[in-house]
């Protein structure tokens, strides 16, 4: 039988230069706790693409130009009661004006 988990999965795309900073902030704020382990995460590289529109203040690239960035996608779990604190802390240190952050529900086996 499946039940809704007390945890969500967080997935964050970040330029390589800030991956370690994001992992540290996730761990310090309580994400990535799994049993007797903490600071747990996994990651993979991807190519991010975007074009900043007028009014944007991009940390990478220029308004009107299509940009390509090698990013690291970091995934971890987080208790639902900590998610607001964790995401707020990530946004403070993330270099993107509008970071790509997914919060994904999880299921567990009863």
C-alpha atoms as a PDB file:
ATOM      1  CA  UNK A   1       0.000   0.000   0.000  1.00  0.00           C
ATOM      2  CA  UNK A   2       1.237   3.506  -0.789  1.00  0.00           C
ATOM      3  CA  UNK A   3       0.844   6.549   1.421  1.00  0.00           C
ATOM      4  CA  UNK A   4       1.770  10.203   1.068  1.00  0.00           C
ATOM      5  CA  UNK A   5       5.232  10.878   2.481  1.00  0.00           C
ATOM      6  CA  UNK A   6       6.175  13.439   5.129  1.00  0.00           C
ATOM      7  CA  UNK A   7       9.000  14.364   2.716  1.00  0.00           C
ATOM      8  CA  UNK A   8       9.232  16.082  -0.653  1.00  0.00           C
ATOM      9  CA  UNK A   9      12.046  15.971  -3.166  1.00  0.00           C
ATOM     10  CA  UNK A  10      13.669  19.297  -3.993  1.00  0.00           C
ATOM     11  CA  UNK A  11      15.364  19.735  -7.372  1.00  0.00           C
ATOM     12  CA  UNK A  12      17.418  22.884  -8.036  1.00  0.00           C
ATOM     13  CA  UNK A  13      19.323  23.925 -11.177  1.00  0.00           C
ATOM     14  CA  UNK A  14      22.348  26.096 -10.422  1.00  0.00           C
ATOM     15  CA  UNK A  15      25.490  27.180 -12.305  1.00  0.00           C
ATOM     16  CA  UNK A  16      28.493  25.001 -11.439  1.00  0.00           C
ATOM     17  CA  UNK A  17      30.127  27.903  -9.597  1.00  0.00           C
ATOM     18  CA  UNK A  18      27.407  27.837  -6.909  1.00  0.00           C
ATOM     19  CA  UNK A  19      26.661  24.102  -6.548  1.00  0.00           C
ATOM     20  CA  UNK A  20      28.674  23.607  -3.348  1.00  0.00           C
ATOM     21  CA  UNK A  21      27.122  26.717  -1.797  1.00  0.00           C
ATOM     22  CA  UNK A  22      23.599  25.439  -2.511  1.00  0.00           C
ATOM     23  CA  UNK A  23      24.423  21.973  -1.096  1.00  0.00           C
ATOM     24  CA  UNK A  24      25.776  23.585   2.081  1.00  0.00           C
ATOM     25  CA  UNK A  25      22.677  25.764   2.523  1.00  0.00           C
ATOM     26  CA  UNK A  26      20.381  22.779   1.964  1.00  0.00           C
ATOM     27  CA  UNK A  27      22.184  20.768   4.642  1.00  0.00           C
ATOM     28  CA  UNK A  28      22.451  23.628   7.157  1.00  0.00           C
ATOM     29  CA  UNK A  29      18.702  24.218   6.903  1.00  0.00           C
ATOM     30  CA  UNK A  30      17.676  20.595   7.452  1.00  0.00           C
ATOM     31  CA  UNK A  31      17.246  19.208   3.949  1.00  0.00           C
ATOM     32  CA  UNK A  32      18.945  15.949   3.015  1.00  0.00           C
ATOM     33  CA  UNK A  33      18.318  14.091   6.274  1.00  0.00           C
ATOM     34  CA  UNK A  34      17.808  10.396   5.657  1.00  0.00           C
ATOM     35  CA  UNK A  35      17.779   8.162   8.723  1.00  0.00           C
ATOM     36  CA  UNK A  36      21.142   8.542  10.489  1.00  0.00           C
ATOM     37  CA  UNK A  37      22.613  10.571   7.606  1.00  0.00           C
ATOM     38  CA  UNK A  38      22.497  14.274   6.806  1.00  0.00           C
ATOM     39  CA  UNK A  39      23.571  16.514   3.904  1.00  0.00           C
ATOM     40  CA  UNK A  40      22.397  13.743   1.520  1.00  0.00           C
ATOM     41  CA  UNK A  41      21.958  14.746  -2.122  1.00  0.00           C
ATOM     42  CA  UNK A  42      22.590  13.654  -5.662  1.00  0.00           C
ATOM     43  CA  UNK A  43      23.402  15.722  -8.714  1.00  0.00           C
ATOM     44  CA  UNK A  44      23.929  15.684 -12.447  1.00  0.00           C
ATOM     45  CA  UNK A  45      24.927  18.209 -15.097  1.00  0.00           C
ATOM     46  CA  UNK A  46      22.643  19.772 -17.631  1.00  0.00           C
ATOM     47  CA  UNK A  47      22.687  22.579 -20.158  1.00  0.00           C
ATOM     48  CA  UNK A  48      20.393  25.459 -19.210  1.00  0.00           C
ATOM     49  CA  UNK A  49      19.139  27.820 -21.913  1.00  0.00           C
ATOM     50  CA  UNK A  50      17.319  31.128 -21.555  1.00  0.00           C
ATOM     51  CA  UNK A  51      16.906  34.600 -23.019  1.00  0.00           C
ATOM     52  CA  UNK A  52      16.507  37.450 -20.537  1.00  0.00           C
ATOM     53  CA  UNK A  53      13.681  39.827 -21.523  1.00  0.00           C
ATOM     54  CA  UNK A  54      13.572  43.583 -21.033  1.00  0.00           C
ATOM     55  CA  UNK A  55      13.432  44.365 -17.314  1.00  0.00           C
ATOM     56  CA  UNK A  56      15.487  41.315 -16.314  1.00  0.00           C
ATOM     57  CA  UNK A  57      18.728  41.643 -14.349  1.00  0.00           C
ATOM     58  CA  UNK A  58      20.559  38.465 -15.378  1.00  0.00           C
ATOM     59  CA  UNK A  59      23.573  37.312 -13.399  1.00  0.00           C
ATOM     60  CA  UNK A  60      24.758  35.528 -16.541  1.00  0.00           C
ATOM     61  CA  UNK A  61      24.401  36.897 -20.071  1.00  0.00           C
ATOM     62  CA  UNK A  62      22.705  39.942 -21.494  1.00  0.00           C
ATOM     63  CA  UNK A  63      19.116  41.026 -22.032  1.00  0.00           C
ATOM     64  CA  UNK A  64      17.887  39.902 -25.458  1.00  0.00           C
ATOM     65  CA  UNK A  65      20.584  37.266 -26.020  1.00  0.00           C
ATOM     66  CA  UNK A  66      19.981  33.529 -25.826  1.00  0.00           C
ATOM     67  CA  UNK A  67      22.375  32.131 -23.235  1.00  0.00           C
ATOM     68  CA  UNK A  68      23.667  28.621 -22.604  1.00  0.00           C
ATOM     69  CA  UNK A  69      24.970  27.650 -19.161  1.00  0.00           C
ATOM     70  CA  UNK A  70      26.385  24.406 -17.810  1.00  0.00           C
ATOM     71  CA  UNK A  71      24.426  23.786 -14.639  1.00  0.00           C
ATOM     72  CA  UNK A  72      24.373  21.222 -11.877  1.00  0.00           C
ATOM     73  CA  UNK A  73      20.963  19.893 -10.883  1.00  0.00           C
ATOM     74  CA  UNK A  74      20.905  19.054  -7.189  1.00  0.00           C
ATOM     75  CA  UNK A  75      18.262  16.731  -5.753  1.00  0.00           C
ATOM     76  CA  UNK A  76      17.576  16.064  -2.095  1.00  0.00           C
ATOM     77  CA  UNK A  77      14.711  15.236   0.227  1.00  0.00           C
ATOM     78  CA  UNK A  78      13.182  17.549   2.794  1.00  0.00           C
ATOM     79  CA  UNK A  79      10.552  17.224   5.500  1.00  0.00           C
ATOM     80  CA  UNK A  80       7.431  19.168   4.561  1.00  0.00           C
ATOM     81  CA  UNK A  81       7.610  21.199   7.777  1.00  0.00           C
ATOM     82  CA  UNK A  82      11.045  22.557   6.759  1.00  0.00           C
ATOM     83  CA  UNK A  83      10.387  23.338   3.098  1.00  0.00           C
ATOM     84  CA  UNK A  84       9.639  27.077   3.445  1.00  0.00           C
ATOM     85  CA  UNK A  85      12.791  27.671   5.511  1.00  0.00           C
ATOM     86  CA  UNK A  86      14.938  25.630   3.108  1.00  0.00           C
ATOM     87  CA  UNK A  87      13.664  27.322  -0.059  1.00  0.00           C
ATOM     88  CA  UNK A  88      13.975  30.812   1.466  1.00  0.00           C
ATOM     89  CA  UNK A  89      17.601  30.090   2.386  1.00  0.00           C
ATOM     90  CA  UNK A  90      18.364  28.723  -1.111  1.00  0.00           C
ATOM     91  CA  UNK A  91      16.873  31.786  -2.812  1.00  0.00           C
ATOM     92  CA  UNK A  92      19.094  34.086  -0.703  1.00  0.00           C
ATOM     93  CA  UNK A  93      22.304  32.507  -2.064  1.00  0.00           C
ATOM     94  CA  UNK A  94      21.208  31.369  -5.541  1.00  0.00           C
ATOM     95  CA  UNK A  95      22.762  33.609  -8.217  1.00  0.00           C
ATOM     96  CA  UNK A  96      19.785  33.518 -10.607  1.00  0.00           C
ATOM     97  CA  UNK A  97      17.162  36.227 -10.445  1.00  0.00           C
ATOM     98  CA  UNK A  98      14.498  33.509 -10.830  1.00  0.00           C
ATOM     99  CA  UNK A  99      15.973  30.134  -9.850  1.00  0.00           C
ATOM    100  CA  UNK A 100      14.535  26.892 -11.220  1.00  0.00           C
ATOM    101  CA  UNK A 101      13.376  25.029  -8.104  1.00  0.00           C
ATOM    102  CA  UNK A 102      11.020  22.035  -8.220  1.00  0.00           C
ATOM    103  CA  UNK A 103       9.241  20.689  -5.140  1.00  0.00           C
ATOM    104  CA  UNK A 104       8.045  17.181  -5.899  1.00  0.00           C
ATOM    105  CA  UNK A 105       5.623  15.145  -3.746  1.00  0.00           C
ATOM    106  CA  UNK A 106       6.745  11.651  -2.672  1.00  0.00           C
ATOM    107  CA  UNK A 107       5.018   8.409  -1.832  1.00  0.00           C
ATOM    108  CA  UNK A 108       6.124   5.718   0.623  1.00  0.00           C
ATOM    109  CA  UNK A 109       5.256   2.070   1.061  1.00  0.00           C
ATOM    110  CA  UNK A 110       3.279   1.258   4.224  1.00  0.00           C
END
